[in-house]
Amino acid sequence: MAKRKELWGARKLAGASFTTKKPQPEKQFAAETADATGVDKSTVTRAVSRAEGVTQAAN
């Protein structure tokens, strides 16, 4: 989950576009992932926290 969050952030930074439409507020990582997976936003937030707390040696 931590790696997915990292990749999501990189995609958002790289995906900046220039449009004439009124900008829509961007969803945060947890909200976007929750919508895509069908789980609650707090579940995603907890999973990210757990994944970030795991050391590389444990992987």
PDB file of N, CA and C in Angstrom:
ATOM      1  N   MET A   1       0.826  -1.181   0.000  1.00  0.00           N
ATOM      2  CA  MET A   1       0.000   0.000   0.000  1.00  0.00           C
ATOM      3  C   MET A   1       0.878   1.256   0.000  1.00  0.00           C
ATOM      4  N   ALA A   2       1.992   1.212   0.714  1.00  0.00           N
ATOM      5  CA  ALA A   2       2.886   2.369   0.753  1.00  0.00           C
ATOM      6  C   ALA A   2       3.468   2.643  -0.636  1.00  0.00           C
ATOM      7  N   LYS A   3       3.836   1.575  -1.344  1.00  0.00           N
ATOM      8  CA  LYS A   3       4.387   1.733  -2.699  1.00  0.00           C
ATOM      9  C   LYS A   3       3.322   2.290  -3.643  1.00  0.00           C
ATOM     10  N   ARG A   4       2.079   1.827  -3.484  1.00  0.00           N
ATOM     11  CA  ARG A   4       1.002   2.339  -4.321  1.00  0.00           C
ATOM     12  C   ARG A   4       0.802   3.829  -4.076  1.00  0.00           C
ATOM     13  N   LYS A   5       0.897   4.248  -2.799  1.00  0.00           N
ATOM     14  CA  LYS A   5       0.742   5.666  -2.477  1.00  0.00           C
ATOM     15  C   LYS A   5       1.869   6.477  -3.122  1.00  0.00           C
ATOM     16  N   GLU A   6       3.085   5.947  -3.080  1.00  0.00           N
ATOM     17  CA  GLU A   6       4.227   6.625  -3.699  1.00  0.00           C
ATOM     18  C   GLU A   6       4.015   6.783  -5.208  1.00  0.00           C
ATOM     19  N   LEU A   7       3.574   5.712  -5.858  1.00  0.00           N
ATOM     20  CA  LEU A   7       3.330   5.757  -7.302  1.00  0.00           C
ATOM     21  C   LEU A   7       2.183   6.701  -7.647  1.00  0.00           C
ATOM     22  N   TRP A   8       1.140   6.711  -6.793  1.00  0.00           N
ATOM     23  CA  TRP A   8       0.000   7.605  -7.004  1.00  0.00           C
ATOM     24  C   TRP A   8       0.460   9.061  -6.974  1.00  0.00           C
ATOM     25  N   GLY A   9       1.317   9.401  -6.007  1.00  0.00           N
ATOM     26  CA  GLY A   9       1.828  10.762  -5.904  1.00  0.00           C
ATOM     27  C   GLY A   9       2.642  11.160  -7.123  1.00  0.00           C
ATOM     28  N   ALA A  10       3.457  10.250  -7.603  1.00  0.00           N
ATOM     29  CA  ALA A  10       4.261  10.524  -8.796  1.00  0.00           C
ATOM     30  C   ALA A  10       3.370  10.736 -10.011  1.00  0.00           C
ATOM     31  N   ARG A  11       2.312   9.935 -10.121  1.00  0.00           N
ATOM     32  CA  ARG A  11       1.387  10.083 -11.252  1.00  0.00           C
ATOM     33  C   ARG A  11       0.675  11.426 -11.204  1.00  0.00           C
ATOM     34  N   LYS A  12       0.285  11.842 -10.012  1.00  0.00           N
ATOM     35  CA  LYS A  12      -0.415  13.122  -9.868  1.00  0.00           C
ATOM     36  C   LYS A  12       0.495  14.285 -10.245  1.00  0.00           C
ATOM     37  N   LEU A  13       1.770  14.207  -9.855  1.00  0.00           N
ATOM     38  CA  LEU A  13       2.712  15.268 -10.196  1.00  0.00           C
ATOM     39  C   LEU A  13       2.994  15.309 -11.690  1.00  0.00           C
ATOM     40  N   ALA A  14       3.108  14.149 -12.303  1.00  0.00           N
ATOM     41  CA  ALA A  14       3.411  14.070 -13.729  1.00  0.00           C
ATOM     42  C   ALA A  14       2.196  14.371 -14.593  1.00  0.00           C
ATOM     43  N   GLY A  15       1.004  14.221 -14.035  1.00  0.00           N
ATOM     44  CA  GLY A  15      -0.214  14.363 -14.816  1.00  0.00           C
ATOM     45  C   GLY A  15      -0.794  15.767 -14.847  1.00  0.00           C
ATOM     46  N   ALA A  16      -0.023  16.767 -14.478  1.00  0.00           N
ATOM     47  CA  ALA A  16      -0.531  18.134 -14.511  1.00  0.00           C
ATOM     48  C   ALA A  16      -0.892  18.510 -15.944  1.00  0.00           C
ATOM     49  N   SER A  17      -2.078  19.018 -16.114  1.00  0.00           N
ATOM     50  CA  SER A  17      -2.512  19.396 -17.461  1.00  0.00           C
ATOM     51  C   SER A  17      -3.003  20.839 -17.449  1.00  0.00           C
ATOM     52  N   PHE A  18      -3.067  21.410 -18.617  1.00  0.00           N
ATOM     53  CA  PHE A  18      -3.510  22.785 -18.757  1.00  0.00           C
ATOM     54  C   PHE A  18      -4.821  22.779 -19.528  1.00  0.00           C
ATOM     55  N   THR A  19      -5.890  23.047 -18.823  1.00  0.00           N
ATOM     56  CA  THR A  19      -7.197  23.054 -19.455  1.00  0.00           C
ATOM     57  C   THR A  19      -7.881  24.373 -19.172  1.00  0.00           C
ATOM     58  N   THR A  20      -8.925  24.644 -19.929  1.00  0.00           N
ATOM     59  CA  THR A  20      -9.689  25.868 -19.712  1.00  0.00           C
ATOM     60  C   THR A  20     -10.891  25.618 -18.813  1.00  0.00           C
ATOM     61  N   LYS A  21     -11.113  24.346 -18.454  1.00  0.00           N
ATOM     62  CA  LYS A  21     -12.212  24.017 -17.562  1.00  0.00           C
ATOM     63  C   LYS A  21     -11.889  24.456 -16.145  1.00  0.00           C
ATOM     64  N   LYS A  22     -12.942  24.672 -15.370  1.00  0.00           N
ATOM     65  CA  LYS A  22     -12.762  25.007 -13.971  1.00  0.00           C
ATOM     66  C   LYS A  22     -12.133  23.808 -13.270  1.00  0.00           C
ATOM     67  N   PRO A  23     -11.035  24.012 -12.542  1.00  0.00           N
ATOM     68  CA  PRO A  23     -10.387  22.865 -11.899  1.00  0.00           C
ATOM     69  C   PRO A  23     -11.269  22.260 -10.813  1.00  0.00           C
ATOM     70  N   GLN A  24     -11.307  20.945 -10.815  1.00  0.00           N
ATOM     71  CA  GLN A  24     -12.053  20.213  -9.805  1.00  0.00           C
ATOM     72  C   GLN A  24     -11.107  19.869  -8.657  1.00  0.00           C
ATOM     73  N   PRO A  25     -11.615  19.859  -7.441  1.00  0.00           N
ATOM     74  CA  PRO A  25     -10.734  19.474  -6.331  1.00  0.00           C
ATOM     75  C   PRO A  25     -10.252  18.044  -6.513  1.00  0.00           C
ATOM     76  N   GLU A  26      -8.972  17.828  -6.285  1.00  0.00           N
ATOM     77  CA  GLU A  26      -8.402  16.497  -6.438  1.00  0.00           C
ATOM     78  C   GLU A  26      -8.732  15.645  -5.232  1.00  0.00           C
ATOM     79  N   LYS A  27      -8.958  14.375  -5.487  1.00  0.00           N
ATOM     80  CA  LYS A  27      -9.166  13.448  -4.396  1.00  0.00           C
ATOM     81  C   LYS A  27      -7.816  13.119  -3.766  1.00  0.00           C
ATOM     82  N   GLN A  28      -7.845  12.890  -2.504  1.00  0.00           N
ATOM     83  CA  GLN A  28      -6.655  12.433  -1.813  1.00  0.00           C
ATOM     84  C   GLN A  28      -6.456  10.953  -2.111  1.00  0.00           C
ATOM     85  N   PHE A  29      -5.250  10.465  -1.854  1.00  0.00           N
ATOM     86  CA  PHE A  29      -4.920   9.073  -2.136  1.00  0.00           C
ATOM     87  C   PHE A  29      -5.903   8.115  -1.490  1.00  0.00           C
ATOM     88  N   ALA A  30      -6.178   8.311  -0.210  1.00  0.00           N
ATOM     89  CA  ALA A  30      -7.048   7.373   0.506  1.00  0.00           C
ATOM     90  C   ALA A  30      -8.457   7.360  -0.079  1.00  0.00           C
ATOM     91  N   ALA A  31      -8.981   8.518  -0.428  1.00  0.00           N
ATOM     92  CA  ALA A  31     -10.332   8.586  -0.983  1.00  0.00           C
ATOM     93  C   ALA A  31     -10.396   7.926  -2.360  1.00  0.00           C
ATOM     94  N   GLU A  32      -9.405   8.183  -3.192  1.00  0.00           N
ATOM     95  CA  GLU A  32      -9.388   7.599  -4.538  1.00  0.00           C
ATOM     96  C   GLU A  32      -9.235   6.076  -4.468  1.00  0.00           C
ATOM     97  N   THR A  33      -8.359   5.611  -3.588  1.00  0.00           N
ATOM     98  CA  THR A  33      -8.148   4.174  -3.437  1.00  0.00           C
ATOM     99  C   THR A  33      -9.381   3.503  -2.851  1.00  0.00           C
ATOM    100  N   ALA A  34     -10.020   4.155  -1.890  1.00  0.00           N
ATOM    101  CA  ALA A  34     -11.236   3.599  -1.290  1.00  0.00           C
ATOM    102  C   ALA A  34     -12.330   3.446  -2.340  1.00  0.00           C
ATOM    103  N   ASP A  35     -12.495   4.443  -3.189  1.00  0.00           N
ATOM    104  CA  ASP A  35     -13.491   4.344  -4.256  1.00  0.00           C
ATOM    105  C   ASP A  35     -13.168   3.198  -5.226  1.00  0.00           C
ATOM    106  N   ALA A  36     -11.891   3.049  -5.561  1.00  0.00           N
ATOM    107  CA  ALA A  36     -11.489   2.030  -6.529  1.00  0.00           C
ATOM    108  C   ALA A  36     -11.609   0.620  -5.967  1.00  0.00           C
ATOM    109  N   THR A  37     -11.399   0.469  -4.657  1.00  0.00           N
ATOM    110  CA  THR A  37     -11.396  -0.870  -4.069  1.00  0.00           C
ATOM    111  C   THR A  37     -12.684  -1.224  -3.349  1.00  0.00           C
ATOM    112  N   GLY A  38     -13.516  -0.239  -3.085  1.00  0.00           N
ATOM    113  CA  GLY A  38     -14.783  -0.503  -2.413  1.00  0.00           C
ATOM    114  C   GLY A  38     -14.683  -0.637  -0.906  1.00  0.00           C
ATOM    115  N   VAL A  39     -13.599  -0.137  -0.328  1.00  0.00           N
ATOM    116  CA  VAL A  39     -13.451  -0.160   1.130  1.00  0.00           C
ATOM    117  C   VAL A  39     -13.569   1.261   1.669  1.00  0.00           C
ATOM    118  N   ASP A  40     -13.613   1.377   2.983  1.00  0.00           N
ATOM    119  CA  ASP A  40     -13.736   2.681   3.612  1.00  0.00           C
ATOM    120  C   ASP A  40     -12.396   3.431   3.569  1.00  0.00           C
ATOM    121  N   LYS A  41     -12.468   4.748   3.519  1.00  0.00           N
ATOM    122  CA  LYS A  41     -11.266   5.587   3.471  1.00  0.00           C
ATOM    123  C   LYS A  41     -10.369   5.340   4.685  1.00  0.00           C
ATOM    124  N   SER A  42     -10.964   5.158   5.858  1.00  0.00           N
ATOM    125  CA  SER A  42     -10.158   4.927   7.066  1.00  0.00           C
ATOM    126  C   SER A  42      -9.407   3.599   6.994  1.00  0.00           C
ATOM    127  N   THR A  43      -9.974   2.614   6.315  1.00  0.00           N
ATOM    128  CA  THR A  43      -9.296   1.328   6.138  1.00  0.00           C
ATOM    129  C   THR A  43      -8.038   1.509   5.307  1.00  0.00           C
ATOM    130  N   VAL A  44      -8.132   2.308   4.255  1.00  0.00           N
ATOM    131  CA  VAL A  44      -6.971   2.578   3.407  1.00  0.00           C
ATOM    132  C   VAL A  44      -5.917   3.336   4.198  1.00  0.00           C
ATOM    133  N   THR A  45      -6.338   4.324   4.970  1.00  0.00           N
ATOM    134  CA  THR A  45      -5.398   5.121   5.763  1.00  0.00           C
ATOM    135  C   THR A  45      -4.643   4.235   6.760  1.00  0.00           C
ATOM    136  N   ARG A  46      -5.349   3.326   7.419  1.00  0.00           N
ATOM    137  CA  ARG A  46      -4.700   2.412   8.366  1.00  0.00           C
ATOM    138  C   ARG A  46      -3.722   1.486   7.650  1.00  0.00           C
ATOM    139  N   ALA A  47      -4.096   1.001   6.480  1.00  0.00           N
ATOM    140  CA  ALA A  47      -3.216   0.107   5.722  1.00  0.00           C
ATOM    141  C   ALA A  47      -1.938   0.815   5.299  1.00  0.00           C
ATOM    142  N   VAL A  48      -2.054   2.070   4.898  1.00  0.00           N
ATOM    143  CA  VAL A  48      -0.870   2.846   4.515  1.00  0.00           C
ATOM    144  C   VAL A  48       0.026   3.049   5.726  1.00  0.00           C
ATOM    145  N   SER A  49      -0.559   3.384   6.866  1.00  0.00           N
ATOM    146  CA  SER A  49       0.226   3.584   8.083  1.00  0.00           C
ATOM    147  C   SER A  49       0.980   2.317   8.469  1.00  0.00           C
ATOM    148  N   ARG A  50       0.305   1.179   8.395  1.00  0.00           N
ATOM    149  CA  ARG A  50       0.968  -0.090   8.705  1.00  0.00           C
ATOM    150  C   ARG A  50       2.092  -0.366   7.720  1.00  0.00           C
ATOM    151  N   ALA A  51       1.843  -0.154   6.440  1.00  0.00           N
ATOM    152  CA  ALA A  51       2.845  -0.448   5.409  1.00  0.00           C
ATOM    153  C   ALA A  51       4.061   0.458   5.537  1.00  0.00           C
ATOM    154  N   GLU A  52       3.849   1.716   5.899  1.00  0.00           N
ATOM    155  CA  GLU A  52       4.978   2.631   6.052  1.00  0.00           C
ATOM    156  C   GLU A  52       5.796   2.309   7.294  1.00  0.00           C
ATOM    157  N   GLY A  53       5.169   1.661   8.273  1.00  0.00           N
ATOM    158  CA  GLY A  53       5.877   1.306   9.498  1.00  0.00           C
ATOM    159  C   GLY A  53       6.699   0.043   9.395  1.00  0.00           C
ATOM    160  N   VAL A  54       6.505  -0.724   8.348  1.00  0.00           N
ATOM    161  CA  VAL A  54       7.249  -1.965   8.162  1.00  0.00           C
ATOM    162  C   VAL A  54       8.628  -1.634   7.599  1.00  0.00           C
ATOM    163  N   THR A  55       9.645  -2.244   8.175  1.00  0.00           N
ATOM    164  CA  THR A  55      10.995  -1.986   7.675  1.00  0.00           C
ATOM    165  C   THR A  55      11.241  -2.753   6.385  1.00  0.00           C
ATOM    166  N   GLN A  56      12.243  -2.349   5.645  1.00  0.00           N
ATOM    167  CA  GLN A  56      12.588  -3.024   4.401  1.00  0.00           C
ATOM    168  C   GLN A  56      13.054  -4.458   4.672  1.00  0.00           C
ATOM    169  N   ALA A  57      13.664  -4.696   5.835  1.00  0.00           N
ATOM    170  CA  ALA A  57      14.142  -6.035   6.169  1.00  0.00           C
ATOM    171  C   ALA A  57      12.956  -7.016   6.290  1.00  0.00           C
ATOM    172  N   ALA A  58      11.806  -6.517   6.697  1.00  0.00           N
ATOM    173  CA  ALA A  58      10.642  -7.383   6.855  1.00  0.00           C
ATOM    174  C   ALA A  58      10.031  -7.770   5.518  1.00  0.00           C
ATOM    175  N   ASN A  59      10.290  -6.994   4.492  1.00  0.00           N
ATOM    176  CA  ASN A  59       9.746  -7.302   3.174  1.00  0.00           C
ATOM    177  C   ASN A  59      10.503  -8.431   2.628  1.00  0.00           C
TER     178      ASN A  59
END
